[in-house]
């Protein structure tokens, strides 16, 4: 859960948005956005959706829904390797 803030900050910096600008667009204080980026607080789903929209991404991307797929690849039966002990 603490990576949400890191992802928000990374996306914000990639778009060359400063903290105050994004906070204003989202409708929260720059202090609140700073706390979210530092994982000291977590946004409501409505705030997270607004942040995602203003960063031109999805909520799923910010919460790392695709990360779990890359860290846990699906292995088909034919690709399994059995090792004897």
N, C-alpha and C. Protein backbone atom coordinates (compact mmCIF):
# COMPACT_ATOMS: atom_id res chain seq x y z
N UNK A 1 0.82 -1.20 0.00
CA UNK A 1 0.00 0.00 0.00
C UNK A 1 0.86 1.26 0.00
N UNK A 2 2.06 1.19 0.57
CA UNK A 2 2.89 2.39 0.66
C UNK A 2 3.50 2.81 -0.68
N UNK A 3 3.38 1.99 -1.70
CA UNK A 3 3.94 2.35 -3.00
C UNK A 3 3.02 3.27 -3.78
N UNK A 4 1.77 3.42 -3.35
CA UNK A 4 0.86 4.33 -4.04
C UNK A 4 1.46 5.72 -4.09
N UNK A 5 1.94 6.18 -2.95
CA UNK A 5 2.54 7.51 -2.87
C UNK A 5 3.74 7.65 -3.79
N UNK A 6 4.56 6.61 -3.82
CA UNK A 6 5.74 6.64 -4.69
C UNK A 6 5.33 6.72 -6.16
N UNK A 7 4.29 5.96 -6.52
CA UNK A 7 3.83 5.97 -7.91
C UNK A 7 3.24 7.34 -8.29
N UNK A 8 2.49 7.93 -7.37
CA UNK A 8 1.92 9.26 -7.62
C UNK A 8 3.03 10.27 -7.84
N UNK A 9 4.02 10.26 -6.96
CA UNK A 9 5.12 11.22 -7.07
C UNK A 9 5.89 11.03 -8.38
N UNK A 10 6.15 9.77 -8.73
CA UNK A 10 6.88 9.48 -9.96
C UNK A 10 6.12 9.98 -11.18
N UNK A 11 4.81 9.70 -11.24
CA UNK A 11 3.98 10.16 -12.37
C UNK A 11 3.95 11.68 -12.41
N UNK A 12 3.80 12.30 -11.25
CA UNK A 12 3.75 13.77 -11.18
C UNK A 12 5.03 14.38 -11.70
N UNK A 13 6.16 13.83 -11.29
CA UNK A 13 7.46 14.34 -11.74
C UNK A 13 7.68 14.10 -13.23
N UNK A 14 7.21 12.96 -13.74
CA UNK A 14 7.33 12.68 -15.18
C UNK A 14 6.57 13.70 -16.02
N UNK A 15 5.48 14.21 -15.46
CA UNK A 15 4.68 15.22 -16.16
C UNK A 15 5.14 16.64 -15.85
N UNK A 16 6.23 16.76 -15.10
CA UNK A 16 6.77 18.06 -14.70
C UNK A 16 5.74 18.93 -13.98
N UNK A 17 4.92 18.29 -13.16
CA UNK A 17 3.95 19.01 -12.33
C UNK A 17 4.54 19.19 -10.95
N UNK A 18 4.42 20.40 -10.42
CA UNK A 18 4.87 20.54 -9.04
C UNK A 18 3.73 20.15 -8.10
N UNK A 19 4.06 19.94 -6.87
CA UNK A 19 3.11 19.46 -5.86
C UNK A 19 1.90 20.39 -5.76
N UNK A 20 2.14 21.69 -5.72
CA UNK A 20 1.05 22.65 -5.57
C UNK A 20 0.08 22.60 -6.74
N UNK A 21 0.60 22.47 -7.94
CA UNK A 21 -0.25 22.45 -9.14
C UNK A 21 -1.17 21.23 -9.13
N UNK A 22 -0.60 20.06 -8.86
CA UNK A 22 -1.42 18.85 -8.84
C UNK A 22 -2.44 18.92 -7.71
N UNK A 23 -2.03 19.36 -6.55
CA UNK A 23 -2.95 19.46 -5.42
C UNK A 23 -4.12 20.37 -5.75
N UNK A 24 -3.84 21.49 -6.39
CA UNK A 24 -4.90 22.43 -6.78
C UNK A 24 -5.86 21.79 -7.77
N UNK A 25 -5.32 21.07 -8.75
CA UNK A 25 -6.16 20.40 -9.75
C UNK A 25 -7.06 19.34 -9.12
N UNK A 26 -6.51 18.65 -8.12
CA UNK A 26 -7.24 17.57 -7.45
C UNK A 26 -8.26 18.14 -6.45
N UNK A 27 -7.96 19.32 -5.93
CA UNK A 27 -8.85 19.92 -4.95
C UNK A 27 -8.50 19.60 -3.52
N UNK A 28 -7.21 19.33 -3.28
CA UNK A 28 -6.74 19.08 -1.92
C UNK A 28 -5.57 20.02 -1.65
N UNK A 29 -5.17 20.11 -0.40
CA UNK A 29 -4.04 20.98 -0.07
C UNK A 29 -2.72 20.32 -0.49
N UNK A 30 -1.71 21.13 -0.70
CA UNK A 30 -0.40 20.59 -1.06
C UNK A 30 0.15 19.76 0.10
N UNK A 31 -0.20 20.13 1.32
CA UNK A 31 0.22 19.37 2.49
C UNK A 31 -0.39 17.96 2.47
N UNK A 32 -1.67 17.88 2.11
CA UNK A 32 -2.34 16.58 2.03
C UNK A 32 -1.70 15.71 0.95
N UNK A 33 -1.42 16.31 -0.21
CA UNK A 33 -0.79 15.55 -1.29
C UNK A 33 0.61 15.10 -0.89
N UNK A 34 1.34 15.94 -0.20
CA UNK A 34 2.67 15.58 0.27
C UNK A 34 2.59 14.38 1.22
N UNK A 35 1.62 14.38 2.10
CA UNK A 35 1.47 13.26 3.04
C UNK A 35 1.10 11.98 2.31
N UNK A 36 0.30 12.10 1.25
CA UNK A 36 -0.05 10.92 0.45
C UNK A 36 1.19 10.38 -0.24
N UNK A 37 1.99 11.26 -0.83
CA UNK A 37 3.20 10.82 -1.52
C UNK A 37 4.22 10.18 -0.57
N UNK A 38 4.22 10.62 0.67
CA UNK A 38 5.15 10.07 1.66
C UNK A 38 4.55 8.88 2.42
N UNK A 39 3.35 8.46 2.01
CA UNK A 39 2.65 7.33 2.63
C UNK A 39 2.33 7.56 4.10
N UNK A 40 2.18 8.82 4.48
CA UNK A 40 1.78 9.13 5.85
C UNK A 40 0.27 9.15 5.97
N UNK A 41 -0.42 9.28 4.83
CA UNK A 41 -1.87 9.17 4.79
C UNK A 41 -2.26 8.57 3.45
N UNK A 42 -3.47 8.08 3.38
CA UNK A 42 -3.94 7.44 2.17
C UNK A 42 -5.17 8.18 1.65
N UNK A 43 -5.25 8.37 0.35
CA UNK A 43 -6.37 9.13 -0.22
C UNK A 43 -7.66 8.32 -0.23
N UNK A 44 -8.78 9.03 -0.20
CA UNK A 44 -10.06 8.36 -0.41
C UNK A 44 -10.10 7.89 -1.85
N UNK A 45 -11.03 7.02 -2.17
CA UNK A 45 -11.14 6.54 -3.54
C UNK A 45 -11.47 7.68 -4.49
N UNK A 46 -12.24 8.65 -4.03
CA UNK A 46 -12.59 9.79 -4.88
C UNK A 46 -11.36 10.66 -5.16
N UNK A 47 -10.54 10.86 -4.13
CA UNK A 47 -9.31 11.64 -4.32
C UNK A 47 -8.34 10.88 -5.20
N UNK A 48 -8.23 9.59 -4.99
CA UNK A 48 -7.33 8.77 -5.81
C UNK A 48 -7.76 8.80 -7.28
N UNK A 49 -9.05 8.76 -7.53
CA UNK A 49 -9.57 8.83 -8.90
C UNK A 49 -9.23 10.18 -9.52
N UNK A 50 -9.36 11.24 -8.77
CA UNK A 50 -9.04 12.57 -9.27
C UNK A 50 -7.54 12.71 -9.54
N UNK A 51 -6.73 12.17 -8.66
CA UNK A 51 -5.27 12.19 -8.86
C UNK A 51 -4.93 11.45 -10.15
N UNK A 52 -5.51 10.26 -10.32
CA UNK A 52 -5.25 9.45 -11.52
C UNK A 52 -5.64 10.21 -12.78
N UNK A 53 -6.81 10.82 -12.77
CA UNK A 53 -7.27 11.57 -13.94
C UNK A 53 -6.32 12.71 -14.28
N UNK A 54 -5.85 13.40 -13.27
CA UNK A 54 -4.96 14.54 -13.50
C UNK A 54 -3.54 14.12 -13.85
N UNK A 55 -3.20 12.87 -13.60
CA UNK A 55 -1.90 12.33 -14.00
C UNK A 55 -2.01 11.51 -15.28
N UNK A 56 -3.19 11.53 -15.90
CA UNK A 56 -3.44 10.82 -17.15
C UNK A 56 -3.11 9.33 -17.04
N UNK A 57 -3.58 8.74 -15.95
CA UNK A 57 -3.38 7.32 -15.72
C UNK A 57 -4.64 6.75 -15.08
N UNK A 58 -4.57 5.51 -14.67
CA UNK A 58 -5.73 4.87 -14.03
C UNK A 58 -5.45 4.63 -12.56
N UNK A 59 -6.53 4.44 -11.82
CA UNK A 59 -6.40 4.08 -10.41
C UNK A 59 -5.64 2.76 -10.30
N UNK A 60 -5.96 1.83 -11.18
CA UNK A 60 -5.28 0.54 -11.18
C UNK A 60 -3.77 0.66 -11.31
N UNK A 61 -3.34 1.57 -12.17
CA UNK A 61 -1.90 1.80 -12.34
C UNK A 61 -1.28 2.35 -11.06
N UNK A 62 -1.99 3.27 -10.40
CA UNK A 62 -1.46 3.87 -9.17
C UNK A 62 -1.42 2.88 -8.01
N UNK A 63 -2.37 1.95 -7.97
CA UNK A 63 -2.36 0.99 -6.86
C UNK A 63 -1.50 -0.23 -7.17
N UNK A 64 -0.98 -0.28 -8.41
CA UNK A 64 -0.06 -1.36 -8.75
C UNK A 64 -0.72 -2.65 -9.15
N UNK A 65 -1.92 -2.55 -9.73
CA UNK A 65 -2.63 -3.77 -10.10
C UNK A 65 -1.86 -4.59 -11.14
N UNK A 66 -1.07 -3.95 -11.97
CA UNK A 66 -0.29 -4.68 -12.97
C UNK A 66 1.02 -5.22 -12.41
N UNK A 67 1.49 -4.66 -11.30
CA UNK A 67 2.74 -5.13 -10.69
C UNK A 67 2.61 -6.56 -10.20
N UNK A 68 1.48 -6.91 -9.62
CA UNK A 68 1.32 -8.25 -9.10
C UNK A 68 1.37 -9.28 -10.22
N UNK A 69 0.91 -8.91 -11.41
CA UNK A 69 0.97 -9.84 -12.54
C UNK A 69 2.40 -10.07 -13.00
N UNK A 70 3.21 -9.03 -12.98
CA UNK A 70 4.59 -9.20 -13.43
C UNK A 70 5.44 -9.91 -12.38
N UNK A 71 5.06 -9.79 -11.11
CA UNK A 71 5.80 -10.46 -10.05
C UNK A 71 5.37 -11.91 -9.85
N UNK A 72 4.19 -12.26 -10.34
CA UNK A 72 3.65 -13.61 -10.19
C UNK A 72 3.17 -14.11 -11.55
N UNK A 73 4.10 -14.43 -12.42
CA UNK A 73 3.69 -14.85 -13.76
C UNK A 73 2.93 -16.17 -13.74
N UNK A 74 2.05 -16.31 -14.68
CA UNK A 74 1.29 -17.55 -14.83
C UNK A 74 2.17 -18.55 -15.57
N UNK A 75 2.23 -19.75 -15.05
CA UNK A 75 3.00 -20.82 -15.68
C UNK A 75 2.02 -21.89 -16.12
N UNK A 76 2.04 -22.20 -17.41
CA UNK A 76 1.15 -23.25 -17.90
C UNK A 76 1.73 -24.62 -17.57
N UNK A 77 0.87 -25.60 -17.60
CA UNK A 77 1.29 -26.96 -17.24
C UNK A 77 2.46 -27.43 -18.10
N UNK A 78 2.44 -27.12 -19.39
CA UNK A 78 3.51 -27.59 -20.28
C UNK A 78 4.84 -26.89 -20.00
N UNK A 79 4.78 -25.70 -19.35
CA UNK A 79 6.01 -24.95 -19.05
C UNK A 79 6.60 -25.28 -17.68
N UNK A 80 5.89 -26.10 -16.92
CA UNK A 80 6.39 -26.45 -15.59
C UNK A 80 7.62 -27.34 -15.69
N UNK A 81 8.55 -27.10 -14.81
CA UNK A 81 9.75 -27.93 -14.74
C UNK A 81 9.73 -28.65 -13.41
N UNK A 82 9.83 -29.96 -13.47
CA UNK A 82 9.84 -30.76 -12.25
C UNK A 82 11.26 -31.15 -11.94
N UNK A 83 11.61 -30.94 -10.72
CA UNK A 83 12.97 -31.30 -10.28
C UNK A 83 12.89 -32.41 -9.25
N UNK A 84 13.76 -33.34 -9.35
CA UNK A 84 13.78 -34.41 -8.35
C UNK A 84 14.65 -33.96 -7.18
N UNK A 85 14.29 -34.44 -6.02
CA UNK A 85 15.04 -34.05 -4.82
C UNK A 85 16.11 -35.04 -4.51
